[in-house]
Amino acid sequence: MAYKITDACLKCGSCAEQCPVEAISEGEDKYVIDPDVCVSCGSCADQCPADAIEEG
């Protein structure tokens, strides 16, 4: 199951830097994860300083 980024996102970009498949991009209000590209590895969630990433 793909991960998703909640509204707690700080837009710091650390998650995007960690994504091995480049599934994360900067959205209007927060970063977003493309569920069709996400491989559910959890690297982004481990890196997030705001704990804003959860399994979706």
PDB file of N, CA and C in Angstrom:
ATOM      1  N   MET A   1       0.844  -1.180   0.000  1.00  0.00           N
ATOM      2  CA  MET A   1       0.000   0.000   0.000  1.00  0.00           C
ATOM      3  C   MET A   1       0.889   1.243   0.000  1.00  0.00           C
ATOM      4  N   ALA A   2       0.588   2.175  -0.859  1.00  0.00           N
ATOM      5  CA  ALA A   2       1.389   3.395  -1.002  1.00  0.00           C
ATOM      6  C   ALA A   2       1.278   4.276   0.246  1.00  0.00           C
ATOM      7  N   TYR A   3       2.305   5.046   0.467  1.00  0.00           N
ATOM      8  CA  TYR A   3       2.314   6.004   1.570  1.00  0.00           C
ATOM      9  C   TYR A   3       1.625   7.287   1.124  1.00  0.00           C
ATOM     10  N   LYS A   4       1.196   8.086   2.091  1.00  0.00           N
ATOM     11  CA  LYS A   4       0.612   9.391   1.779  1.00  0.00           C
ATOM     12  C   LYS A   4       1.147  10.412   2.773  1.00  0.00           C
ATOM     13  N   ILE A   5       1.125  11.664   2.366  1.00  0.00           N
ATOM     14  CA  ILE A   5       1.634  12.751   3.190  1.00  0.00           C
ATOM     15  C   ILE A   5       0.455  13.544   3.738  1.00  0.00           C
ATOM     16  N   THR A   6       0.431  13.728   5.038  1.00  0.00           N
ATOM     17  CA  THR A   6      -0.680  14.421   5.693  1.00  0.00           C
ATOM     18  C   THR A   6      -0.458  15.935   5.679  1.00  0.00           C
ATOM     19  N   ASP A   7      -1.433  16.667   6.193  1.00  0.00           N
ATOM     20  CA  ASP A   7      -1.355  18.122   6.263  1.00  0.00           C
ATOM     21  C   ASP A   7      -0.298  18.616   7.250  1.00  0.00           C
ATOM     22  N   ALA A   8       0.301  17.716   8.010  1.00  0.00           N
ATOM     23  CA  ALA A   8       1.361  18.105   8.945  1.00  0.00           C
ATOM     24  C   ALA A   8       2.684  18.362   8.227  1.00  0.00           C
ATOM     25  N   CYS A   9       2.706  18.150   6.919  1.00  0.00           N
ATOM     26  CA  CYS A   9       3.926  18.333   6.112  1.00  0.00           C
ATOM     27  C   CYS A   9       4.471  19.751   6.265  1.00  0.00           C
ATOM     28  N   LEU A  10       5.790  19.837   6.485  1.00  0.00           N
ATOM     29  CA  LEU A  10       6.473  21.118   6.645  1.00  0.00           C
ATOM     30  C   LEU A  10       7.049  21.636   5.328  1.00  0.00           C
ATOM     31  N   LYS A  11       6.910  20.873   4.261  1.00  0.00           N
ATOM     32  CA  LYS A  11       7.475  21.191   2.941  1.00  0.00           C
ATOM     33  C   LYS A  11       8.985  21.370   2.996  1.00  0.00           C
ATOM     34  N   CYS A  12       9.660  20.534   3.768  1.00  0.00           N
ATOM     35  CA  CYS A  12      11.113  20.629   3.890  1.00  0.00           C
ATOM     36  C   CYS A  12      11.835  19.899   2.758  1.00  0.00           C
ATOM     37  N   GLY A  13      11.167  18.919   2.147  1.00  0.00           N
ATOM     38  CA  GLY A  13      11.746  18.201   1.021  1.00  0.00           C
ATOM     39  C   GLY A  13      12.620  17.015   1.373  1.00  0.00           C
ATOM     40  N   SER A  14      12.793  16.736   2.646  1.00  0.00           N
ATOM     41  CA  SER A  14      13.662  15.617   3.020  1.00  0.00           C
ATOM     42  C   SER A  14      13.108  14.279   2.531  1.00  0.00           C
ATOM     43  N   CYS A  15      11.811  14.153   2.450  1.00  0.00           N
ATOM     44  CA  CYS A  15      11.195  12.910   1.970  1.00  0.00           C
ATOM     45  C   CYS A  15      11.516  12.671   0.496  1.00  0.00           C
ATOM     46  N   ALA A  16      11.410  13.714  -0.299  1.00  0.00           N
ATOM     47  CA  ALA A  16      11.664  13.593  -1.736  1.00  0.00           C
ATOM     48  C   ALA A  16      13.106  13.181  -2.007  1.00  0.00           C
ATOM     49  N   GLU A  17      14.028  13.691  -1.203  1.00  0.00           N
ATOM     50  CA  GLU A  17      15.440  13.347  -1.363  1.00  0.00           C
ATOM     51  C   GLU A  17      15.691  11.869  -1.081  1.00  0.00           C
ATOM     52  N   GLN A  18      14.898  11.262  -0.198  1.00  0.00           N
ATOM     53  CA  GLN A  18      15.092   9.869   0.204  1.00  0.00           C
ATOM     54  C   GLN A  18      14.391   8.860  -0.694  1.00  0.00           C
ATOM     55  N   CYS A  19      13.427   9.297  -1.486  1.00  0.00           N
ATOM     56  CA  CYS A  19      12.623   8.357  -2.285  1.00  0.00           C
ATOM     57  C   CYS A  19      13.455   7.732  -3.406  1.00  0.00           C
ATOM     58  N   PRO A  20      13.623   6.400  -3.388  1.00  0.00           N
ATOM     59  CA  PRO A  20      14.457   5.734  -4.393  1.00  0.00           C
ATOM     60  C   PRO A  20      13.812   5.660  -5.780  1.00  0.00           C
ATOM     61  N   VAL A  21      12.502   5.882  -5.866  1.00  0.00           N
ATOM     62  CA  VAL A  21      11.815   5.796  -7.158  1.00  0.00           C
ATOM     63  C   VAL A  21      11.246   7.142  -7.613  1.00  0.00           C
ATOM     64  N   GLU A  22      11.608   8.205  -6.913  1.00  0.00           N
ATOM     65  CA  GLU A  22      11.186   9.569  -7.255  1.00  0.00           C
ATOM     66  C   GLU A  22       9.664   9.700  -7.364  1.00  0.00           C
ATOM     67  N   ALA A  23       8.962   9.122  -6.382  1.00  0.00           N
ATOM     68  CA  ALA A  23       7.497   9.175  -6.365  1.00  0.00           C
ATOM     69  C   ALA A  23       6.969  10.421  -5.671  1.00  0.00           C
ATOM     70  N   ILE A  24       7.845  11.228  -5.082  1.00  0.00           N
ATOM     71  CA  ILE A  24       7.420  12.377  -4.291  1.00  0.00           C
ATOM     72  C   ILE A  24       7.758  13.672  -5.017  1.00  0.00           C
ATOM     73  N   SER A  25       6.759  14.552  -5.091  1.00  0.00           N
ATOM     74  CA  SER A  25       6.973  15.852  -5.717  1.00  0.00           C
ATOM     75  C   SER A  25       6.331  16.941  -4.864  1.00  0.00           C
ATOM     76  N   GLU A  26       6.761  18.170  -5.107  1.00  0.00           N
ATOM     77  CA  GLU A  26       6.242  19.291  -4.335  1.00  0.00           C
ATOM     78  C   GLU A  26       4.873  19.682  -4.865  1.00  0.00           C
ATOM     79  N   GLY A  27       3.889  19.673  -3.974  1.00  0.00           N
ATOM     80  CA  GLY A  27       2.546  20.102  -4.325  1.00  0.00           C
ATOM     81  C   GLY A  27       2.332  21.550  -3.933  1.00  0.00           C
ATOM     82  N   GLU A  28       1.111  22.000  -4.039  1.00  0.00           N
ATOM     83  CA  GLU A  28       0.806  23.393  -3.730  1.00  0.00           C
ATOM     84  C   GLU A  28       0.975  23.704  -2.243  1.00  0.00           C
ATOM     85  N   ASP A  29       0.413  22.851  -1.379  1.00  0.00           N
ATOM     86  CA  ASP A  29       0.450  23.091   0.065  1.00  0.00           C
ATOM     87  C   ASP A  29       1.388  22.158   0.822  1.00  0.00           C
ATOM     88  N   LYS A  30       1.738  21.035   0.192  1.00  0.00           N
ATOM     89  CA  LYS A  30       2.577  20.033   0.831  1.00  0.00           C
ATOM     90  C   LYS A  30       3.172  19.148  -0.257  1.00  0.00           C
ATOM     91  N   TYR A  31       4.112  18.303   0.111  1.00  0.00           N
ATOM     92  CA  TYR A  31       4.642  17.334  -0.841  1.00  0.00           C
ATOM     93  C   TYR A  31       3.590  16.247  -1.050  1.00  0.00           C
ATOM     94  N   VAL A  32       3.600  15.618  -2.214  1.00  0.00           N
ATOM     95  CA  VAL A  32       2.631  14.573  -2.534  1.00  0.00           C
ATOM     96  C   VAL A  32       3.369  13.334  -3.055  1.00  0.00           C
ATOM     97  N   ILE A  33       2.768  12.191  -2.815  1.00  0.00           N
ATOM     98  CA  ILE A  33       3.328  10.918  -3.264  1.00  0.00           C
ATOM     99  C   ILE A  33       2.432  10.347  -4.347  1.00  0.00           C
ATOM    100  N   ASP A  34       3.018   9.994  -5.473  1.00  0.00           N
ATOM    101  CA  ASP A  34       2.277   9.358  -6.564  1.00  0.00           C
ATOM    102  C   ASP A  34       2.082   7.892  -6.189  1.00  0.00           C
ATOM    103  N   PRO A  35       0.849   7.473  -5.910  1.00  0.00           N
ATOM    104  CA  PRO A  35       0.620   6.096  -5.454  1.00  0.00           C
ATOM    105  C   PRO A  35       0.930   5.048  -6.518  1.00  0.00           C
ATOM    106  N   ASP A  36       0.945   5.446  -7.789  1.00  0.00           N
ATOM    107  CA  ASP A  36       1.260   4.499  -8.856  1.00  0.00           C
ATOM    108  C   ASP A  36       2.759   4.237  -8.975  1.00  0.00           C
ATOM    109  N   VAL A  37       3.566   5.108  -8.388  1.00  0.00           N
ATOM    110  CA  VAL A  37       5.021   4.968  -8.447  1.00  0.00           C
ATOM    111  C   VAL A  37       5.586   4.468  -7.121  1.00  0.00           C
ATOM    112  N   CYS A  38       4.951   4.812  -6.008  1.00  0.00           N
ATOM    113  CA  CYS A  38       5.414   4.437  -4.670  1.00  0.00           C
ATOM    114  C   CYS A  38       5.542   2.918  -4.536  1.00  0.00           C
ATOM    115  N   VAL A  39       6.679   2.476  -3.989  1.00  0.00           N
ATOM    116  CA  VAL A  39       6.922   1.046  -3.777  1.00  0.00           C
ATOM    117  C   VAL A  39       6.780   0.655  -2.301  1.00  0.00           C
ATOM    118  N   SER A  40       6.245   1.559  -1.490  1.00  0.00           N
ATOM    119  CA  SER A  40       5.970   1.307  -0.073  1.00  0.00           C
ATOM    120  C   SER A  40       7.204   0.871   0.722  1.00  0.00           C
ATOM    121  N   CYS A  41       8.337   1.485   0.428  1.00  0.00           N
ATOM    122  CA  CYS A  41       9.570   1.099   1.119  1.00  0.00           C
ATOM    123  C   CYS A  41       9.690   1.745   2.502  1.00  0.00           C
ATOM    124  N   GLY A  42       9.015   2.890   2.708  1.00  0.00           N
ATOM    125  CA  GLY A  42       9.047   3.547   4.006  1.00  0.00           C
ATOM    126  C   GLY A  42      10.208   4.497   4.227  1.00  0.00           C
ATOM    127  N   SER A  43      11.079   4.662   3.246  1.00  0.00           N
ATOM    128  CA  SER A  43      12.225   5.561   3.396  1.00  0.00           C
ATOM    129  C   SER A  43      11.788   6.987   3.700  1.00  0.00           C
ATOM    130  N   CYS A  44      10.741   7.428   3.066  1.00  0.00           N
ATOM    131  CA  CYS A  44      10.255   8.792   3.266  1.00  0.00           C
ATOM    132  C   CYS A  44       9.735   8.986   4.691  1.00  0.00           C
ATOM    133  N   ALA A  45       8.969   8.022   5.175  1.00  0.00           N
ATOM    134  CA  ALA A  45       8.399   8.122   6.523  1.00  0.00           C
ATOM    135  C   ALA A  45       9.489   8.133   7.589  1.00  0.00           C
ATOM    136  N   ASP A  46      10.536   7.359   7.365  1.00  0.00           N
ATOM    137  CA  ASP A  46      11.654   7.318   8.307  1.00  0.00           C
ATOM    138  C   ASP A  46      12.381   8.648   8.372  1.00  0.00           C
ATOM    139  N   GLN A  47      12.402   9.384   7.274  1.00  0.00           N
ATOM    140  CA  GLN A  47      13.141  10.624   7.171  1.00  0.00           C
ATOM    141  C   GLN A  47      12.340  11.849   7.632  1.00  0.00           C
ATOM    142  N   CYS A  48      11.025  11.789   7.622  1.00  0.00           N
ATOM    143  CA  CYS A  48      10.170  12.952   7.879  1.00  0.00           C
ATOM    144  C   CYS A  48      10.292  13.462   9.315  1.00  0.00           C
ATOM    145  N   PRO A  49      10.727  14.733   9.497  1.00  0.00           N
ATOM    146  CA  PRO A  49      10.874  15.276  10.849  1.00  0.00           C
ATOM    147  C   PRO A  49       9.532  15.619  11.519  1.00  0.00           C
ATOM    148  N   ALA A  50       8.465  15.689  10.737  1.00  0.00           N
ATOM    149  CA  ALA A  50       7.148  16.044  11.286  1.00  0.00           C
ATOM    150  C   ALA A  50       6.235  14.831  11.436  1.00  0.00           C
ATOM    151  N   ASP A  51       6.741  13.648  11.147  1.00  0.00           N
ATOM    152  CA  ASP A  51       5.911  12.428  11.161  1.00  0.00           C
ATOM    153  C   ASP A  51       4.632  12.624  10.357  1.00  0.00           C
ATOM    154  N   ALA A  52       4.774  13.245   9.189  1.00  0.00           N
ATOM    155  CA  ALA A  52       3.623  13.580   8.346  1.00  0.00           C
ATOM    156  C   ALA A  52       3.344  12.546   7.270  1.00  0.00           C
ATOM    157  N   ILE A  53       4.062  11.438   7.283  1.00  0.00           N
ATOM    158  CA  ILE A  53       3.882  10.410   6.240  1.00  0.00           C
ATOM    159  C   ILE A  53       3.399   9.128   6.890  1.00  0.00           C
ATOM    160  N   GLU A  54       2.328   8.594   6.300  1.00  0.00           N
ATOM    161  CA  GLU A  54       1.736   7.364   6.840  1.00  0.00           C
ATOM    162  C   GLU A  54       1.331   6.444   5.707  1.00  0.00           C
ATOM    163  N   GLU A  55       1.169   5.178   6.036  1.00  0.00           N
ATOM    164  CA  GLU A  55       0.695   4.233   5.029  1.00  0.00           C
ATOM    165  C   GLU A  55      -0.739   4.570   4.684  1.00  0.00           C
ATOM    166  N   GLY A  56      -1.021   4.585   3.398  1.00  0.00           N
ATOM    167  CA  GLY A  56      -2.353   4.996   2.951  1.00  0.00           C
ATOM    168  C   GLY A  56      -3.172   3.873   2.548  1.00  0.00           C
TER     169      GLY A  56
END
